Amino acid sequence: MQGIATGIKETLKNEDIEVLELDGKSEIETSQKVIADVLTANPDKKHILIGCLNDQSALGAYNAVEAAGRESDVYIGSHGCDAPAIENLKNKEENCWIGSVAYFPERYGEYLVPLMDDLLHGKEIPEESFPDHVFIDKSNIDEYY
């Protein structure tokens, strides 16, 4: 999650951006309460980015933002591109939950099997290997799901 704050600060070239690290326990209800509390405590804050570890947290955050009537103040991005994100991107009008990073775990075998084969045949393999991932939003949801 540190990558979100680092990326925003580097992209906007602004080290003074305030970052709050909150724990929604990766649960819809807990995330909704945590975000509702922050929005209530900061009624004048604008340009709020909520980066979530998973789509369940993002759904809770979205519910809190919507209930507070603060959609124009917030952007939400999440990880996983699971059912809640797909539902939002396919079936709801454009809103502050702008997208989710898809990791395509159903394709992990395409990455792992060749690595294991190389390893079994005594070939050197990279210390790290990362599967492709894509930021899914309304513009490309139908291409992937």
Protein backbone atom coordinates (compact mmCIF):
# COMPACT_ATOMS: atom_id res chain seq x y z
CA MET A 1 0.00 0.00 0.00
CA GLN A 2 2.99 2.31 0.42
CA GLY A 3 3.27 2.35 -3.36
CA ILE A 4 0.04 4.32 -3.68
CA ALA A 5 1.27 7.19 -1.52
CA THR A 6 4.73 7.13 -3.11
CA GLY A 7 3.29 7.06 -6.62
CA ILE A 8 0.93 9.96 -5.98
CA LYS A 9 3.64 12.08 -4.39
CA GLU A 10 6.03 11.38 -7.28
CA THR A 11 3.42 11.89 -9.99
CA LEU A 12 2.15 15.14 -8.52
CA LYS A 13 5.68 16.16 -7.49
CA ASN A 14 4.39 17.10 -4.07
CA GLU A 15 5.90 15.62 -0.91
CA ASP A 16 3.48 17.60 1.28
CA ILE A 17 0.48 15.44 0.48
CA GLU A 18 -1.17 14.26 3.68
CA VAL A 19 -1.37 10.47 3.93
CA LEU A 20 -3.55 8.62 6.40
CA GLU A 21 -3.05 4.91 6.82
CA LEU A 22 -6.31 3.33 7.89
CA ASP A 23 -7.17 -0.28 8.61
CA GLY A 24 -10.53 -1.42 7.32
CA LYS A 25 -9.58 -5.05 8.05
CA SER A 26 -10.28 -5.82 4.36
CA GLU A 27 -13.96 -5.94 5.27
CA ILE A 28 -16.86 -4.01 3.79
CA GLU A 29 -18.45 -2.95 7.09
CA THR A 30 -15.22 -2.04 8.89
CA SER A 31 -13.93 -0.07 5.91
CA GLN A 32 -17.24 1.76 5.63
CA LYS A 33 -17.07 2.81 9.29
CA VAL A 34 -13.41 3.88 9.11
CA ILE A 35 -13.99 6.01 6.01
CA ALA A 36 -17.24 7.45 7.38
CA ASP A 37 -15.36 8.54 10.52
CA VAL A 38 -12.60 10.21 8.47
CA LEU A 39 -15.08 12.01 6.22
CA THR A 40 -17.07 13.22 9.24
CA ALA A 41 -13.90 14.48 10.95
CA ASN A 42 -12.77 16.27 7.76
CA PRO A 43 -15.83 17.91 6.21
CA ASP A 44 -13.80 20.53 4.33
CA LYS A 45 -11.23 18.18 2.76
CA LYS A 46 -11.31 17.86 -1.03
CA HIS A 47 -9.23 15.84 -3.51
CA ILE A 48 -9.27 12.70 -1.40
CA LEU A 49 -7.76 9.53 -2.85
CA ILE A 50 -8.69 6.26 -1.19
CA GLY A 51 -6.44 3.39 -2.20
CA CYS A 52 -7.73 0.02 -1.02
CA LEU A 53 -5.96 -3.30 -0.62
CA ASN A 54 -8.99 -5.15 -1.98
CA ASP A 55 -12.39 -4.57 -3.54
CA GLN A 56 -14.28 -5.37 -0.35
CA SER A 57 -12.57 -2.42 1.36
CA ALA A 58 -13.31 -0.27 -1.67
CA LEU A 59 -17.00 -1.20 -1.56
CA GLY A 60 -17.13 -0.19 2.10
CA ALA A 61 -15.33 3.06 1.31
CA TYR A 62 -17.66 3.74 -1.60
CA ASN A 63 -20.71 3.13 0.60
CA ALA A 64 -19.37 5.62 3.17
CA VAL A 65 -18.58 8.25 0.54
CA GLU A 66 -21.98 7.86 -1.08
CA ALA A 67 -23.79 8.04 2.29
CA ALA A 68 -21.89 11.21 3.14
CA GLY A 69 -22.69 12.80 -0.23
CA ARG A 70 -18.97 13.34 -0.83
CA GLU A 71 -18.52 11.67 -4.23
CA SER A 72 -17.26 14.90 -5.80
CA ASP A 73 -14.45 15.04 -3.21
CA VAL A 74 -13.18 11.47 -3.56
CA TYR A 75 -11.56 9.00 -5.95
CA ILE A 76 -11.33 5.33 -5.00
CA GLY A 77 -8.99 2.75 -6.52
CA SER A 78 -8.66 -0.84 -5.40
CA HIS A 79 -6.89 -4.12 -5.99
CA GLY A 80 -8.20 -7.48 -7.15
CA CYS A 81 -10.91 -6.57 -9.64
CA ASP A 82 -13.21 -9.07 -7.98
CA ALA A 83 -17.00 -9.19 -8.05
CA PRO A 84 -17.66 -5.87 -6.23
CA ALA A 85 -15.41 -3.90 -8.61
CA ILE A 86 -16.73 -5.65 -11.70
CA GLU A 87 -20.31 -5.00 -10.57
CA ASN A 88 -19.53 -1.32 -10.02
CA LEU A 89 -17.71 -0.87 -13.32
CA LYS A 90 -20.19 -2.77 -15.46
CA ASN A 91 -23.53 -1.89 -13.92
CA LYS A 92 -23.36 1.47 -12.18
CA GLU A 93 -23.12 4.92 -13.65
CA GLU A 94 -19.71 6.52 -13.46
CA ASN A 95 -18.87 7.30 -9.86
CA CYS A 96 -15.92 7.95 -7.56
CA TRP A 97 -14.82 4.28 -7.53
CA ILE A 98 -12.84 4.63 -10.73
CA GLY A 99 -11.26 1.21 -11.03
CA SER A 100 -9.36 -1.76 -9.70
CA VAL A 101 -6.06 -3.47 -10.49
CA ALA A 102 -6.65 -6.94 -11.93
CA TYR A 103 -4.00 -9.60 -11.26
CA PHE A 104 -5.71 -12.47 -13.12
CA PRO A 105 -4.85 -15.26 -10.67
CA GLU A 106 -6.54 -17.67 -13.05
CA ARG A 107 -3.52 -17.11 -15.33
CA TYR A 108 -0.79 -17.66 -12.73
CA GLY A 109 -0.08 -21.11 -14.16
CA GLU A 110 0.98 -19.48 -17.44
CA TYR A 111 3.80 -17.82 -15.47
CA LEU A 112 4.62 -20.53 -12.97
CA VAL A 113 4.75 -23.64 -15.18
CA PRO A 114 7.53 -22.33 -17.47
CA LEU A 115 9.51 -21.20 -14.41
CA MET A 116 9.12 -24.60 -12.76
CA ASP A 117 10.07 -26.34 -16.01
CA ASP A 118 13.24 -24.24 -16.27
CA LEU A 119 14.05 -24.95 -12.63
CA LEU A 120 13.56 -28.70 -13.11
CA HIS A 121 15.88 -28.61 -16.13
CA GLY A 122 18.62 -26.85 -14.19
CA LYS A 123 18.17 -23.50 -15.86
CA GLU A 124 18.62 -20.33 -13.92
CA ILE A 125 15.39 -18.53 -13.12
CA PRO A 126 14.90 -14.94 -12.03
CA GLU A 127 14.82 -14.26 -8.32
CA GLU A 128 11.50 -12.46 -8.81
CA SER A 129 8.81 -12.84 -11.43
CA PHE A 130 5.63 -10.81 -11.64
CA PRO A 131 2.50 -11.63 -13.60
CA ASP A 132 0.99 -8.96 -15.80
CA HIS A 133 -1.63 -6.81 -14.19
CA VAL A 134 -3.96 -4.16 -15.59
CA PHE A 135 -5.86 -1.23 -14.14
CA ILE A 136 -9.48 -1.91 -15.05
CA ASP A 137 -11.90 0.98 -15.38
CA LYS A 138 -15.06 1.71 -17.37
CA SER A 139 -13.05 2.18 -20.56
CA ASN A 140 -11.68 -1.39 -20.61
CA ILE A 141 -13.90 -3.52 -18.33
CA ASP A 142 -15.64 -5.22 -21.26
CA GLU A 143 -12.30 -6.14 -22.81
CA TYR A 144 -11.32 -8.17 -19.75
CA TYR A 145 -14.60 -9.22 -18.12
